[in-house]
């Protein structure tokens, strides 16, 4: 039972940064991608008369954050392999 006043945010800026850092092979892309996927906020629920945790971002952006984090991991491994040769 969600609070009707709470609207999940859009994470477009975070996702752009995630994919830029993922392409460059940065660890920051991993962090940003998983931040978008796992971030939660405390929201007051009037039905329960208590605070509950809700995801901070929209579900589609959360999915793209997870994909970006996984691509960043693959990119880090690729760049480490490329520079070790």
PDB file of N, CA and C in Angstrom:
ATOM      1  N   UNK A   1       0.827  -1.169   0.000  1.00  0.00           N
ATOM      2  CA  UNK A   1       0.000   0.000   0.000  1.00  0.00           C
ATOM      3  C   UNK A   1       0.877   1.239   0.000  1.00  0.00           C
ATOM      4  N   UNK A   2       1.038   1.796  -1.168  1.00  0.00           N
ATOM      5  CA  UNK A   2       1.937   2.920  -1.325  1.00  0.00           C
ATOM      6  C   UNK A   2       1.260   4.223  -0.926  1.00  0.00           C
ATOM      7  N   UNK A   3       2.087   5.121  -0.474  1.00  0.00           N
ATOM      8  CA  UNK A   3       1.613   6.463  -0.195  1.00  0.00           C
ATOM      9  C   UNK A   3       1.311   7.122  -1.531  1.00  0.00           C
ATOM     10  N   UNK A   4       0.161   7.718  -1.659  1.00  0.00           N
ATOM     11  CA  UNK A   4      -0.252   8.291  -2.930  1.00  0.00           C
ATOM     12  C   UNK A   4       0.517   9.560  -3.275  1.00  0.00           C
ATOM     13  N   UNK A   5       1.178  10.170  -2.297  1.00  0.00           N
ATOM     14  CA  UNK A   5       1.943  11.378  -2.557  1.00  0.00           C
ATOM     15  C   UNK A   5       3.340  11.087  -3.097  1.00  0.00           C
ATOM     16  N   UNK A   6       3.830   9.864  -2.926  1.00  0.00           N
ATOM     17  CA  UNK A   6       5.188   9.516  -3.354  1.00  0.00           C
ATOM     18  C   UNK A   6       5.200   9.112  -4.819  1.00  0.00           C
ATOM     19  N   UNK A   7       6.036   9.742  -5.604  1.00  0.00           N
ATOM     20  CA  UNK A   7       6.235   9.389  -7.008  1.00  0.00           C
ATOM     21  C   UNK A   7       7.710   9.037  -7.191  1.00  0.00           C
ATOM     22  N   UNK A   8       8.030   7.869  -7.735  1.00  0.00           N
ATOM     23  CA  UNK A   8       9.434   7.553  -8.002  1.00  0.00           C
ATOM     24  C   UNK A   8      10.043   8.553  -8.987  1.00  0.00           C
ATOM     25  N   UNK A   9      11.306   8.862  -8.774  1.00  0.00           N
ATOM     26  CA  UNK A   9      11.995   9.825  -9.624  1.00  0.00           C
ATOM     27  C   UNK A   9      12.446   9.184 -10.925  1.00  0.00           C
ATOM     28  N   UNK A  10      12.808  10.014 -11.860  1.00  0.00           N
ATOM     29  CA  UNK A  10      13.422   9.537 -13.091  1.00  0.00           C
ATOM     30  C   UNK A  10      14.934   9.643 -12.927  1.00  0.00           C
ATOM     31  N   UNK A  11      15.650   8.674 -13.444  1.00  0.00           N
ATOM     32  CA  UNK A  11      17.095   8.596 -13.220  1.00  0.00           C
ATOM     33  C   UNK A  11      17.887   8.794 -14.508  1.00  0.00           C
ATOM     34  N   UNK A  12      17.406   9.638 -15.397  1.00  0.00           N
ATOM     35  CA  UNK A  12      18.032   9.787 -16.707  1.00  0.00           C
ATOM     36  C   UNK A  12      19.484  10.250 -16.603  1.00  0.00           C
ATOM     37  N   UNK A  13      19.752  11.236 -15.791  1.00  0.00           N
ATOM     38  CA  UNK A  13      21.124  11.735 -15.644  1.00  0.00           C
ATOM     39  C   UNK A  13      22.065  10.691 -15.067  1.00  0.00           C
ATOM     40  N   UNK A  14      21.576   9.954 -14.059  1.00  0.00           N
ATOM     41  CA  UNK A  14      22.393   8.890 -13.466  1.00  0.00           C
ATOM     42  C   UNK A  14      22.685   7.803 -14.505  1.00  0.00           C
ATOM     43  N   UNK A  15      21.707   7.478 -15.338  1.00  0.00           N
ATOM     44  CA  UNK A  15      21.902   6.427 -16.339  1.00  0.00           C
ATOM     45  C   UNK A  15      22.875   6.854 -17.425  1.00  0.00           C
ATOM     46  N   UNK A  16      22.817   8.107 -17.844  1.00  0.00           N
ATOM     47  CA  UNK A  16      23.776   8.595 -18.840  1.00  0.00           C
ATOM     48  C   UNK A  16      25.190   8.495 -18.284  1.00  0.00           C
ATOM     49  N   UNK A  17      25.379   8.926 -17.041  1.00  0.00           N
ATOM     50  CA  UNK A  17      26.699   8.823 -16.410  1.00  0.00           C
ATOM     51  C   UNK A  17      27.128   7.369 -16.265  1.00  0.00           C
ATOM     52  N   UNK A  18      26.183   6.477 -15.942  1.00  0.00           N
ATOM     53  CA  UNK A  18      26.494   5.055 -15.801  1.00  0.00           C
ATOM     54  C   UNK A  18      27.050   4.493 -17.092  1.00  0.00           C
ATOM     55  N   UNK A  19      26.384   4.770 -18.209  1.00  0.00           N
ATOM     56  CA  UNK A  19      26.820   4.211 -19.485  1.00  0.00           C
ATOM     57  C   UNK A  19      28.101   4.865 -19.993  1.00  0.00           C
ATOM     58  N   UNK A  20      28.328   6.136 -19.696  1.00  0.00           N
ATOM     59  CA  UNK A  20      29.593   6.768 -20.079  1.00  0.00           C
ATOM     60  C   UNK A  20      30.744   6.120 -19.323  1.00  0.00           C
ATOM     61  N   UNK A  21      30.593   5.967 -18.011  1.00  0.00           N
ATOM     62  CA  UNK A  21      31.662   5.350 -17.224  1.00  0.00           C
ATOM     63  C   UNK A  21      31.806   3.863 -17.541  1.00  0.00           C
ATOM     64  N   UNK A  22      30.717   3.205 -17.905  1.00  0.00           N
ATOM     65  CA  UNK A  22      30.800   1.793 -18.289  1.00  0.00           C
ATOM     66  C   UNK A  22      31.611   1.640 -19.574  1.00  0.00           C
ATOM     67  N   UNK A  23      31.407   2.538 -20.526  1.00  0.00           N
ATOM     68  CA  UNK A  23      32.164   2.465 -21.785  1.00  0.00           C
ATOM     69  C   UNK A  23      33.641   2.751 -21.563  1.00  0.00           C
ATOM     70  N   UNK A  24      33.943   3.603 -20.599  1.00  0.00           N
ATOM     71  CA  UNK A  24      35.333   3.935 -20.318  1.00  0.00           C
ATOM     72  C   UNK A  24      36.005   2.924 -19.406  1.00  0.00           C
ATOM     73  N   UNK A  25      35.272   1.947 -18.937  1.00  0.00           N
ATOM     74  CA  UNK A  25      35.849   0.919 -18.090  1.00  0.00           C
ATOM     75  C   UNK A  25      36.055   1.361 -16.661  1.00  0.00           C
ATOM     76  N   UNK A  26      35.222   2.267 -16.177  1.00  0.00           N
ATOM     77  CA  UNK A  26      35.401   2.807 -14.838  1.00  0.00           C
ATOM     78  C   UNK A  26      34.582   2.082 -13.792  1.00  0.00           C
ATOM     79  N   UNK A  27      35.144   2.043 -12.602  1.00  0.00           N
ATOM     80  CA  UNK A  27      34.430   1.440 -11.484  1.00  0.00           C
ATOM     81  C   UNK A  27      33.233   2.293 -11.066  1.00  0.00           C
ATOM     82  N   UNK A  28      33.270   3.560 -11.410  1.00  0.00           N
ATOM     83  CA  UNK A  28      32.159   4.445 -11.081  1.00  0.00           C
ATOM     84  C   UNK A  28      30.887   4.025 -11.813  1.00  0.00           C
ATOM     85  N   UNK A  29      31.013   3.453 -13.003  1.00  0.00           N
ATOM     86  CA  UNK A  29      29.854   2.947 -13.738  1.00  0.00           C
ATOM     87  C   UNK A  29      29.176   1.807 -12.995  1.00  0.00           C
ATOM     88  N   UNK A  30      29.966   0.961 -12.360  1.00  0.00           N
ATOM     89  CA  UNK A  30      29.400  -0.137 -11.568  1.00  0.00           C
ATOM     90  C   UNK A  30      28.626   0.436 -10.390  1.00  0.00           C
ATOM     91  N   UNK A  31      29.237   1.367  -9.688  1.00  0.00           N
ATOM     92  CA  UNK A  31      28.597   1.970  -8.525  1.00  0.00           C
ATOM     93  C   UNK A  31      27.303   2.688  -8.902  1.00  0.00           C
ATOM     94  N   UNK A  32      27.346   3.503  -9.947  1.00  0.00           N
ATOM     95  CA  UNK A  32      26.160   4.272 -10.339  1.00  0.00           C
ATOM     96  C   UNK A  32      25.037   3.368 -10.819  1.00  0.00           C
ATOM     97  N   UNK A  33      25.375   2.345 -11.592  1.00  0.00           N
ATOM     98  CA  UNK A  33      24.351   1.430 -12.087  1.00  0.00           C
ATOM     99  C   UNK A  33      23.638   0.705 -10.965  1.00  0.00           C
ATOM    100  N   UNK A  34      24.391   0.198 -10.009  1.00  0.00           N
ATOM    101  CA  UNK A  34      23.769  -0.516  -8.902  1.00  0.00           C
ATOM    102  C   UNK A  34      23.099   0.440  -7.910  1.00  0.00           C
ATOM    103  N   UNK A  35      23.567   1.696  -7.856  1.00  0.00           N
ATOM    104  CA  UNK A  35      22.878   2.697  -7.034  1.00  0.00           C
ATOM    105  C   UNK A  35      21.466   2.937  -7.562  1.00  0.00           C
ATOM    106  N   UNK A  36      21.344   3.098  -8.887  1.00  0.00           N
ATOM    107  CA  UNK A  36      20.022   3.311  -9.479  1.00  0.00           C
ATOM    108  C   UNK A  36      19.134   2.098  -9.236  1.00  0.00           C
ATOM    109  N   UNK A  37      19.703   0.907  -9.281  1.00  0.00           N
ATOM    110  CA  UNK A  37      18.895  -0.298  -9.121  1.00  0.00           C
ATOM    111  C   UNK A  37      18.442  -0.518  -7.678  1.00  0.00           C
ATOM    112  N   UNK A  38      19.310  -0.279  -6.714  1.00  0.00           N
ATOM    113  CA  UNK A  38      19.010  -0.641  -5.330  1.00  0.00           C
ATOM    114  C   UNK A  38      18.539   0.505  -4.431  1.00  0.00           C
ATOM    115  N   UNK A  39      18.581   1.754  -4.880  1.00  0.00           N
ATOM    116  CA  UNK A  39      18.269   2.897  -4.017  1.00  0.00           C
ATOM    117  C   UNK A  39      16.815   2.869  -3.539  1.00  0.00           C
ATOM    118  N   UNK A  40      16.640   3.090  -2.234  1.00  0.00           N
ATOM    119  CA  UNK A  40      15.307   3.143  -1.635  1.00  0.00           C
ATOM    120  C   UNK A  40      15.192   4.395  -0.775  1.00  0.00           C
ATOM    121  N   UNK A  41      13.959   4.811  -0.539  1.00  0.00           N
ATOM    122  CA  UNK A  41      13.688   5.945   0.341  1.00  0.00           C
ATOM    123  C   UNK A  41      12.622   5.530   1.347  1.00  0.00           C
ATOM    124  N   UNK A  42      12.609   6.212   2.487  1.00  0.00           N
ATOM    125  CA  UNK A  42      11.570   5.978   3.491  1.00  0.00           C
ATOM    126  C   UNK A  42      10.366   6.856   3.156  1.00  0.00           C
ATOM    127  N   UNK A  43       9.215   6.219   3.060  1.00  0.00           N
ATOM    128  CA  UNK A  43       7.976   6.922   2.742  1.00  0.00           C
ATOM    129  C   UNK A  43       6.959   6.601   3.818  1.00  0.00           C
ATOM    130  N   UNK A  44       6.238   7.621   4.270  1.00  0.00           N
ATOM    131  CA  UNK A  44       5.225   7.415   5.291  1.00  0.00           C
ATOM    132  C   UNK A  44       3.970   6.821   4.655  1.00  0.00           C
ATOM    133  N   UNK A  45       3.519   5.693   5.183  1.00  0.00           N
ATOM    134  CA  UNK A  45       2.312   5.027   4.707  1.00  0.00           C
ATOM    135  C   UNK A  45       1.204   5.254   5.729  1.00  0.00           C
ATOM    136  N   UNK A  46       0.159   5.952   5.297  1.00  0.00           N
ATOM    137  CA  UNK A  46      -0.933   6.287   6.214  1.00  0.00           C
ATOM    138  C   UNK A  46      -1.732   5.057   6.623  1.00  0.00           C
ATOM    139  N   UNK A  47      -1.836   4.056   5.742  1.00  0.00           N
ATOM    140  CA  UNK A  47      -2.583   2.843   6.083  1.00  0.00           C
ATOM    141  C   UNK A  47      -1.918   2.065   7.206  1.00  0.00           C
ATOM    142  N   UNK A  48      -0.585   1.982   7.148  1.00  0.00           N
ATOM    143  CA  UNK A  48       0.154   1.253   8.174  1.00  0.00           C
ATOM    144  C   UNK A  48       0.525   2.133   9.354  1.00  0.00           C
ATOM    145  N   UNK A  49       0.409   3.448   9.167  1.00  0.00           N
ATOM    146  CA  UNK A  49       0.792   4.421  10.180  1.00  0.00           C
ATOM    147  C   UNK A  49       2.263   4.254  10.571  1.00  0.00           C
ATOM    148  N   UNK A  50       3.077   4.029   9.556  1.00  0.00           N
ATOM    149  CA  UNK A  50       4.502   3.826   9.773  1.00  0.00           C
ATOM    150  C   UNK A  50       5.240   4.134   8.473  1.00  0.00           C
ATOM    151  N   UNK A  51       6.555   4.195   8.561  1.00  0.00           N
ATOM    152  CA  UNK A  51       7.376   4.422   7.375  1.00  0.00           C
ATOM    153  C   UNK A  51       7.709   3.087   6.721  1.00  0.00           C
ATOM    154  N   UNK A  52       7.684   3.063   5.392  1.00  0.00           N
ATOM    155  CA  UNK A  52       8.057   1.882   4.622  1.00  0.00           C
ATOM    156  C   UNK A  52       9.119   2.295   3.606  1.00  0.00           C
ATOM    157  N   UNK A  53       9.865   1.328   3.118  1.00  0.00           N
ATOM    158  CA  UNK A  53      10.881   1.598   2.108  1.00  0.00           C
ATOM    159  C   UNK A  53      10.294   1.354   0.727  1.00  0.00           C
ATOM    160  N   UNK A  54      10.452   2.341  -0.145  1.00  0.00           N
ATOM    161  CA  UNK A  54      10.012   2.249  -1.529  1.00  0.00           C
ATOM    162  C   UNK A  54      11.225   2.486  -2.410  1.00  0.00           C
ATOM    163  N   UNK A  55      11.211   1.893  -3.608  1.00  0.00           N
ATOM    164  CA  UNK A  55      12.300   2.151  -4.541  1.00  0.00           C
ATOM    165  C   UNK A  55      12.262   3.608  -4.980  1.00  0.00           C
ATOM    166  N   UNK A  56      13.440   4.202  -5.089  1.00  0.00           N
ATOM    167  CA  UNK A  56      13.550   5.628  -5.374  1.00  0.00           C
ATOM    168  C   UNK A  56      13.255   5.954  -6.835  1.00  0.00           C
ATOM    169  N   UNK A  57      13.581   5.026  -7.739  1.00  0.00           N
ATOM    170  CA  UNK A  57      13.472   5.309  -9.161  1.00  0.00           C
ATOM    171  C   UNK A  57      12.411   4.433  -9.827  1.00  0.00           C
ATOM    172  N   UNK A  58      11.996   4.836 -11.021  1.00  0.00           N
ATOM    173  CA  UNK A  58      10.998   4.123 -11.809  1.00  0.00           C
ATOM    174  C   UNK A  58      11.551   2.747 -12.193  1.00  0.00           C
ATOM    175  N   UNK A  59      10.666   1.754 -12.330  1.00  0.00           N
ATOM    176  CA  UNK A  59      11.097   0.382 -12.596  1.00  0.00           C
ATOM    177  C   UNK A  59      11.908   0.245 -13.881  1.00  0.00           C
ATOM    178  N   UNK A  60      11.528   0.951 -14.945  1.00  0.00           N
ATOM    179  CA  UNK A  60      12.294   0.831 -16.193  1.00  0.00           C
ATOM    180  C   UNK A  60      13.699   1.401 -16.026  1.00  0.00           C
ATOM    181  N   UNK A  61      13.829   2.484 -15.281  1.00  0.00           N
ATOM    182  CA  UNK A  61      15.163   3.042 -15.044  1.00  0.00           C
ATOM    183  C   UNK A  61      15.981   2.139 -14.136  1.00  0.00           C
ATOM    184  N   UNK A  62      15.315   1.475 -13.203  1.00  0.00           N
ATOM    185  CA  UNK A  62      16.031   0.518 -12.352  1.00  0.00           C
ATOM    186  C   UNK A  62      16.591  -0.622 -13.204  1.00  0.00           C
ATOM    187  N   UNK A  63      15.803  -1.114 -14.161  1.00  0.00           N
ATOM    188  CA  UNK A  63      16.268  -2.189 -15.036  1.00  0.00           C
ATOM    189  C   UNK A  63      17.482  -1.727 -15.850  1.00  0.00           C
ATOM    190  N   UNK A  64      17.414  -0.511 -16.416  1.00  0.00           N
ATOM    191  CA  UNK A  64      18.530   0.002 -17.192  1.00  0.00           C
ATOM    192  C   UNK A  64      19.752   0.263 -16.316  1.00  0.00           C
ATOM    193  N   UNK A  65      19.555   0.598 -15.056  1.00  0.00           N
ATOM    194  CA  UNK A  65      20.679   0.748 -14.134  1.00  0.00           C
ATOM    195  C   UNK A  65      21.376  -0.574 -13.875  1.00  0.00           C
ATOM    196  N   UNK A  66      20.591  -1.646 -13.718  1.00  0.00           N
ATOM    197  CA  UNK A  66      21.177  -2.978 -13.527  1.00  0.00           C
ATOM    198  C   UNK A  66      21.957  -3.407 -14.763  1.00  0.00           C
ATOM    199  N   UNK A  67      21.387  -3.186 -15.936  1.00  0.00           N
ATOM    200  CA  UNK A  67      22.080  -3.530 -17.186  1.00  0.00           C
ATOM    201  C   UNK A  67      23.362  -2.720 -17.320  1.00  0.00           C
ATOM    202  N   UNK A  68      23.296  -1.426 -16.991  1.00  0.00           N
ATOM    203  CA  UNK A  68      24.497  -0.586 -17.055  1.00  0.00           C
ATOM    204  C   UNK A  68      25.562  -1.030 -16.077  1.00  0.00           C
ATOM    205  N   UNK A  69      25.173  -1.440 -14.875  1.00  0.00           N
ATOM    206  CA  UNK A  69      26.142  -1.945 -13.901  1.00  0.00           C
ATOM    207  C   UNK A  69      26.811  -3.213 -14.370  1.00  0.00           C
ATOM    208  N   UNK A  70      26.042  -4.109 -14.972  1.00  0.00           N
ATOM    209  CA  UNK A  70      26.609  -5.356 -15.487  1.00  0.00           C
ATOM    210  C   UNK A  70      27.542  -5.071 -16.666  1.00  0.00           C
ATOM    211  N   UNK A  71      27.138  -4.167 -17.552  1.00  0.00           N
ATOM    212  CA  UNK A  71      28.020  -3.786 -18.662  1.00  0.00           C
ATOM    213  C   UNK A  71      29.298  -3.127 -18.160  1.00  0.00           C
ATOM    214  N   UNK A  72      29.204  -2.372 -17.087  1.00  0.00           N
ATOM    215  CA  UNK A  72      30.401  -1.750 -16.514  1.00  0.00           C
ATOM    216  C   UNK A  72      31.348  -2.809 -15.962  1.00  0.00           C
ATOM    217  N   UNK A  73      30.814  -3.849 -15.339  1.00  0.00           N
ATOM    218  CA  UNK A  73      31.663  -4.942 -14.854  1.00  0.00           C
ATOM    219  C   UNK A  73      32.368  -5.616 -16.030  1.00  0.00           C
ATOM    220  N   UNK A  74      31.628  -5.896 -17.086  1.00  0.00           N
ATOM    221  CA  UNK A  74      32.222  -6.511 -18.286  1.00  0.00           C
ATOM    222  C   UNK A  74      33.278  -5.593 -18.881  1.00  0.00           C
ATOM    223  N   UNK A  75      33.005  -4.300 -18.900  1.00  0.00           N
ATOM    224  CA  UNK A  75      33.951  -3.336 -19.454  1.00  0.00           C
ATOM    225  C   UNK A  75      35.232  -3.259 -18.619  1.00  0.00           C
ATOM    226  N   UNK A  76      35.103  -3.283 -17.310  1.00  0.00           N
ATOM    227  CA  UNK A  76      36.288  -3.252 -16.447  1.00  0.00           C
ATOM    228  C   UNK A  76      37.154  -4.481 -16.695  1.00  0.00           C
ATOM    229  N   UNK A  77      36.524  -5.643 -16.781  1.00  0.00           N
ATOM    230  CA  UNK A  77      37.278  -6.874 -17.044  1.00  0.00           C
ATOM    231  C   UNK A  77      37.957  -6.805 -18.410  1.00  0.00           C
ATOM    232  N   UNK A  78      37.249  -6.299 -19.410  1.00  0.00           N
ATOM    233  CA  UNK A  78      37.813  -6.182 -20.761  1.00  0.00           C
ATOM    234  C   UNK A  78      39.015  -5.242 -20.774  1.00  0.00           C
ATOM    235  N   UNK A  79      38.895  -4.052 -20.173  1.00  0.00           N
ATOM    236  CA  UNK A  79      39.987  -3.102 -20.177  1.00  0.00           C
ATOM    237  C   UNK A  79      41.178  -3.596 -19.367  1.00  0.00           C
ATOM    238  N   UNK A  80      40.930  -4.298 -18.272  1.00  0.00           N
ATOM    239  CA  UNK A  80      42.027  -4.888 -17.497  1.00  0.00           C
ATOM    240  C   UNK A  80      42.761  -5.949 -18.324  1.00  0.00           C
ATOM    241  N   UNK A  81      42.011  -6.753 -19.054  1.00  0.00           N
ATOM    242  CA  UNK A  81      42.623  -7.766 -19.904  1.00  0.00           C
ATOM    243  C   UNK A  81      43.400  -7.119 -21.043  1.00  0.00           C
ATOM    244  N   UNK A  82      42.846  -6.058 -21.636  1.00  0.00           N
ATOM    245  CA  UNK A  82      43.482  -5.394 -22.754  1.00  0.00           C
ATOM    246  C   UNK A  82      44.814  -4.776 -22.335  1.00  0.00           C
ATOM    247  N   UNK A  83      44.856  -4.156 -21.155  1.00  0.00           N
ATOM    248  CA  UNK A  83      46.091  -3.525 -20.705  1.00  0.00           C
ATOM    249  C   UNK A  83      47.085  -4.482 -20.079  1.00  0.00           C
ATOM    250  N   UNK A  84      46.665  -5.707 -19.791  1.00  0.00           N
ATOM    251  CA  UNK A  84      47.608  -6.679 -19.245  1.00  0.00           C
ATOM    252  C   UNK A  84      48.390  -7.393 -20.333  1.00  0.00           C
ATOM    253  N   UNK A  85      48.002  -7.207 -21.572  1.00  0.00           N
ATOM    254  CA  UNK A  85      48.697  -7.873 -22.700  1.00  0.00           C
ATOM    255  C   UNK A  85      49.928  -7.126 -23.093  1.00  0.00           C
TER     256      UNK A  85
END
